[in-house]
Amino acid sequence: MSKLMSAKERADALEGYIGEDLDNSIDTLYDFVHVQRIKKVVV
């Protein structure tokens, strides 16, 4: 990877990284909420 990335390339890479992380966090949160809901129904 070249050291001299344009500002746009850097922004795109950062945006992609943050976006991926956010998706993972939302999935984890959704799974947690879903499991809690199932537990309430079962108990």
PDB file of N, CA and C in Angstrom:
ATOM      1  N   MET A   1       0.849  -1.187   0.000  1.00  0.00           N
ATOM      2  CA  MET A   1       0.000   0.000   0.000  1.00  0.00           C
ATOM      3  C   MET A   1       0.890   1.244   0.000  1.00  0.00           C
ATOM      4  N   SER A   2       0.590   2.183  -0.849  1.00  0.00           N
ATOM      5  CA  SER A   2       1.429   3.386  -0.926  1.00  0.00           C
ATOM      6  C   SER A   2       1.173   4.284   0.281  1.00  0.00           C
ATOM      7  N   LYS A   3       2.212   4.946   0.717  1.00  0.00           N
ATOM      8  CA  LYS A   3       2.092   5.827   1.887  1.00  0.00           C
ATOM      9  C   LYS A   3       1.248   7.049   1.571  1.00  0.00           C
ATOM     10  N   LEU A   4       1.321   7.487   0.312  1.00  0.00           N
ATOM     11  CA  LEU A   4       0.618   8.712  -0.057  1.00  0.00           C
ATOM     12  C   LEU A   4      -0.771   8.402  -0.606  1.00  0.00           C
ATOM     13  N   MET A   5      -1.702   8.192   0.284  1.00  0.00           N
ATOM     14  CA  MET A   5      -3.088   7.988  -0.134  1.00  0.00           C
ATOM     15  C   MET A   5      -3.724   9.357  -0.254  1.00  0.00           C
ATOM     16  N   SER A   6      -4.599   9.502  -1.212  1.00  0.00           N
ATOM     17  CA  SER A   6      -5.301  10.782  -1.319  1.00  0.00           C
ATOM     18  C   SER A   6      -6.266  10.898  -0.139  1.00  0.00           C
ATOM     19  N   ALA A   7      -6.678  12.106   0.145  1.00  0.00           N
ATOM     20  CA  ALA A   7      -7.614  12.338   1.250  1.00  0.00           C
ATOM     21  C   ALA A   7      -8.908  11.553   1.026  1.00  0.00           C
ATOM     22  N   LYS A   8      -9.344  11.488  -0.226  1.00  0.00           N
ATOM     23  CA  LYS A   8     -10.584  10.779  -0.537  1.00  0.00           C
ATOM     24  C   LYS A   8     -10.429   9.280  -0.267  1.00  0.00           C
ATOM     25  N   GLU A   9      -9.316   8.714  -0.701  1.00  0.00           N
ATOM     26  CA  GLU A   9      -9.074   7.289  -0.461  1.00  0.00           C
ATOM     27  C   GLU A   9      -9.064   6.985   1.034  1.00  0.00           C
ATOM     28  N   ARG A  10      -8.417   7.864   1.789  1.00  0.00           N
ATOM     29  CA  ARG A  10      -8.333   7.676   3.237  1.00  0.00           C
ATOM     30  C   ARG A  10      -9.731   7.749   3.857  1.00  0.00           C
ATOM     31  N   ALA A  11     -10.523   8.714   3.407  1.00  0.00           N
ATOM     32  CA  ALA A  11     -11.885   8.873   3.924  1.00  0.00           C
ATOM     33  C   ALA A  11     -12.736   7.647   3.575  1.00  0.00           C
ATOM     34  N   ASP A  12     -12.598   7.147   2.362  1.00  0.00           N
ATOM     35  CA  ASP A  12     -13.358   5.966   1.937  1.00  0.00           C
ATOM     36  C   ASP A  12     -12.983   4.749   2.765  1.00  0.00           C
ATOM     37  N   ALA A  13     -11.689   4.574   3.022  1.00  0.00           N
ATOM     38  CA  ALA A  13     -11.225   3.432   3.810  1.00  0.00           C
ATOM     39  C   ALA A  13     -11.753   3.518   5.233  1.00  0.00           C
ATOM     40  N   LEU A  14     -11.701   4.704   5.801  1.00  0.00           N
ATOM     41  CA  LEU A  14     -12.174   4.922   7.164  1.00  0.00           C
ATOM     42  C   LEU A  14     -13.680   4.694   7.239  1.00  0.00           C
ATOM     43  N   GLU A  15     -14.397   5.195   6.253  1.00  0.00           N
ATOM     44  CA  GLU A  15     -15.848   5.049   6.206  1.00  0.00           C
ATOM     45  C   GLU A  15     -16.226   3.574   6.111  1.00  0.00           C
ATOM     46  N   GLY A  16     -15.496   2.835   5.288  1.00  0.00           N
ATOM     47  CA  GLY A  16     -15.755   1.408   5.141  1.00  0.00           C
ATOM     48  C   GLY A  16     -15.510   0.671   6.447  1.00  0.00           C
ATOM     49  N   TYR A  17     -14.455   1.032   7.140  1.00  0.00           N
ATOM     50  CA  TYR A  17     -14.106   0.391   8.407  1.00  0.00           C
ATOM     51  C   TYR A  17     -15.169   0.685   9.460  1.00  0.00           C
ATOM     52  N   ILE A  18     -15.561   1.940   9.586  1.00  0.00           N
ATOM     53  CA  ILE A  18     -16.578   2.337  10.566  1.00  0.00           C
ATOM     54  C   ILE A  18     -17.916   1.692  10.218  1.00  0.00           C
ATOM     55  N   GLY A  19     -18.267   1.693   8.943  1.00  0.00           N
ATOM     56  CA  GLY A  19     -19.535   1.113   8.518  1.00  0.00           C
ATOM     57  C   GLY A  19     -19.622  -0.369   8.858  1.00  0.00           C
ATOM     58  N   GLU A  20     -18.521  -1.079   8.642  1.00  0.00           N
ATOM     59  CA  GLU A  20     -18.492  -2.508   8.925  1.00  0.00           C
ATOM     60  C   GLU A  20     -18.642  -2.745  10.421  1.00  0.00           C
ATOM     61  N   ASP A  21     -17.934  -1.943  11.206  1.00  0.00           N
ATOM     62  CA  ASP A  21     -17.976  -2.061  12.657  1.00  0.00           C
ATOM     63  C   ASP A  21     -19.382  -1.777  13.176  1.00  0.00           C
ATOM     64  N   LEU A  22     -20.022  -0.768  12.601  1.00  0.00           N
ATOM     65  CA  LEU A  22     -21.368  -0.394  13.010  1.00  0.00           C
ATOM     66  C   LEU A  22     -22.344  -1.524  12.697  1.00  0.00           C
ATOM     67  N   ASP A  23     -22.228  -2.119  11.505  1.00  0.00           N
ATOM     68  CA  ASP A  23     -23.093  -3.237  11.135  1.00  0.00           C
ATOM     69  C   ASP A  23     -22.948  -4.378  12.128  1.00  0.00           C
ATOM     70  N   ASN A  24     -21.706  -4.679  12.515  1.00  0.00           N
ATOM     71  CA  ASN A  24     -21.459  -5.760  13.471  1.00  0.00           C
ATOM     72  C   ASN A  24     -22.089  -5.444  14.821  1.00  0.00           C
ATOM     73  N   SER A  25     -21.979  -4.204  15.257  1.00  0.00           N
ATOM     74  CA  SER A  25     -22.551  -3.798  16.536  1.00  0.00           C
ATOM     75  C   SER A  25     -24.067  -3.923  16.518  1.00  0.00           C
ATOM     76  N   ILE A  26     -24.675  -3.513  15.418  1.00  0.00           N
ATOM     77  CA  ILE A  26     -26.136  -3.591  15.278  1.00  0.00           C
ATOM     78  C   ILE A  26     -26.573  -5.057  15.279  1.00  0.00           C
ATOM     79  N   ASP A  27     -25.846  -5.920  14.570  1.00  0.00           N
ATOM     80  CA  ASP A  27     -26.173  -7.347  14.544  1.00  0.00           C
ATOM     81  C   ASP A  27     -26.094  -7.941  15.941  1.00  0.00           C
ATOM     82  N   THR A  28     -25.039  -7.601  16.671  1.00  0.00           N
ATOM     83  CA  THR A  28     -24.850  -8.119  18.017  1.00  0.00           C
ATOM     84  C   THR A  28     -25.984  -7.654  18.926  1.00  0.00           C
ATOM     85  N   LEU A  29     -26.322  -6.386  18.827  1.00  0.00           N
ATOM     86  CA  LEU A  29     -27.391  -5.825  19.633  1.00  0.00           C
ATOM     87  C   LEU A  29     -28.720  -6.500  19.288  1.00  0.00           C
ATOM     88  N   TYR A  30     -28.978  -6.689  18.006  1.00  0.00           N
ATOM     89  CA  TYR A  30     -30.211  -7.324  17.564  1.00  0.00           C
ATOM     90  C   TYR A  30     -30.296  -8.747  18.118  1.00  0.00           C
ATOM     91  N   ASP A  31     -29.191  -9.500  18.015  1.00  0.00           N
ATOM     92  CA  ASP A  31     -29.158 -10.876  18.528  1.00  0.00           C
ATOM     93  C   ASP A  31     -29.448 -10.883  20.023  1.00  0.00           C
ATOM     94  N   PHE A  32     -28.836  -9.972  20.746  1.00  0.00           N
ATOM     95  CA  PHE A  32     -29.013  -9.897  22.200  1.00  0.00           C
ATOM     96  C   PHE A  32     -30.479  -9.638  22.545  1.00  0.00           C
ATOM     97  N   VAL A  33     -31.075  -8.651  21.880  1.00  0.00           N
ATOM     98  CA  VAL A  33     -32.472  -8.304  22.133  1.00  0.00           C
ATOM     99  C   VAL A  33     -33.372  -9.491  21.783  1.00  0.00           C
ATOM    100  N   HIS A  34     -33.078 -10.143  20.681  1.00  0.00           N
ATOM    101  CA  HIS A  34     -33.871 -11.281  20.228  1.00  0.00           C
ATOM    102  C   HIS A  34     -33.812 -12.421  21.239  1.00  0.00           C
ATOM    103  N   VAL A  35     -32.614 -12.698  21.752  1.00  0.00           N
ATOM    104  CA  VAL A  35     -32.441 -13.759  22.749  1.00  0.00           C
ATOM    105  C   VAL A  35     -33.199 -13.410  24.028  1.00  0.00           C
ATOM    106  N   GLN A  36     -33.130 -12.156  24.455  1.00  0.00           N
ATOM    107  CA  GLN A  36     -33.849 -11.735  25.652  1.00  0.00           C
ATOM    108  C   GLN A  36     -35.349 -11.948  25.466  1.00  0.00           C
ATOM    109  N   ARG A  37     -35.843 -11.658  24.284  1.00  0.00           N
ATOM    110  CA  ARG A  37     -37.264 -11.795  23.986  1.00  0.00           C
ATOM    111  C   ARG A  37     -37.673 -13.269  24.058  1.00  0.00           C
ATOM    112  N   ILE A  38     -36.834 -14.141  23.500  1.00  0.00           N
ATOM    113  CA  ILE A  38     -37.117 -15.579  23.521  1.00  0.00           C
ATOM    114  C   ILE A  38     -37.124 -16.081  24.966  1.00  0.00           C
ATOM    115  N   LYS A  39     -36.163 -15.627  25.777  1.00  0.00           N
ATOM    116  CA  LYS A  39     -36.088 -16.047  27.182  1.00  0.00           C
ATOM    117  C   LYS A  39     -37.373 -15.679  27.922  1.00  0.00           C
ATOM    118  N   LYS A  40     -37.876 -14.484  27.665  1.00  0.00           N
ATOM    119  CA  LYS A  40     -39.097 -14.035  28.332  1.00  0.00           C
ATOM    120  C   LYS A  40     -40.285 -14.912  27.946  1.00  0.00           C
ATOM    121  N   VAL A  41     -40.345 -15.323  26.688  1.00  0.00           N
ATOM    122  CA  VAL A  41     -41.446 -16.161  26.213  1.00  0.00           C
ATOM    123  C   VAL A  41     -41.351 -17.544  26.858  1.00  0.00           C
ATOM    124  N   VAL A  42     -40.140 -18.084  26.947  1.00  0.00           N
ATOM    125  CA  VAL A  42     -39.933 -19.428  27.487  1.00  0.00           C
ATOM    126  C   VAL A  42     -40.200 -19.468  28.993  1.00  0.00           C
ATOM    127  N   VAL A  43     -39.711 -18.470  29.719  1.00  0.00           N
ATOM    128  CA  VAL A  43     -39.827 -18.485  31.195  1.00  0.00           C
ATOM    129  C   VAL A  43     -41.237 -18.134  31.662  1.00  0.00           C
TER     130      VAL A  43
END
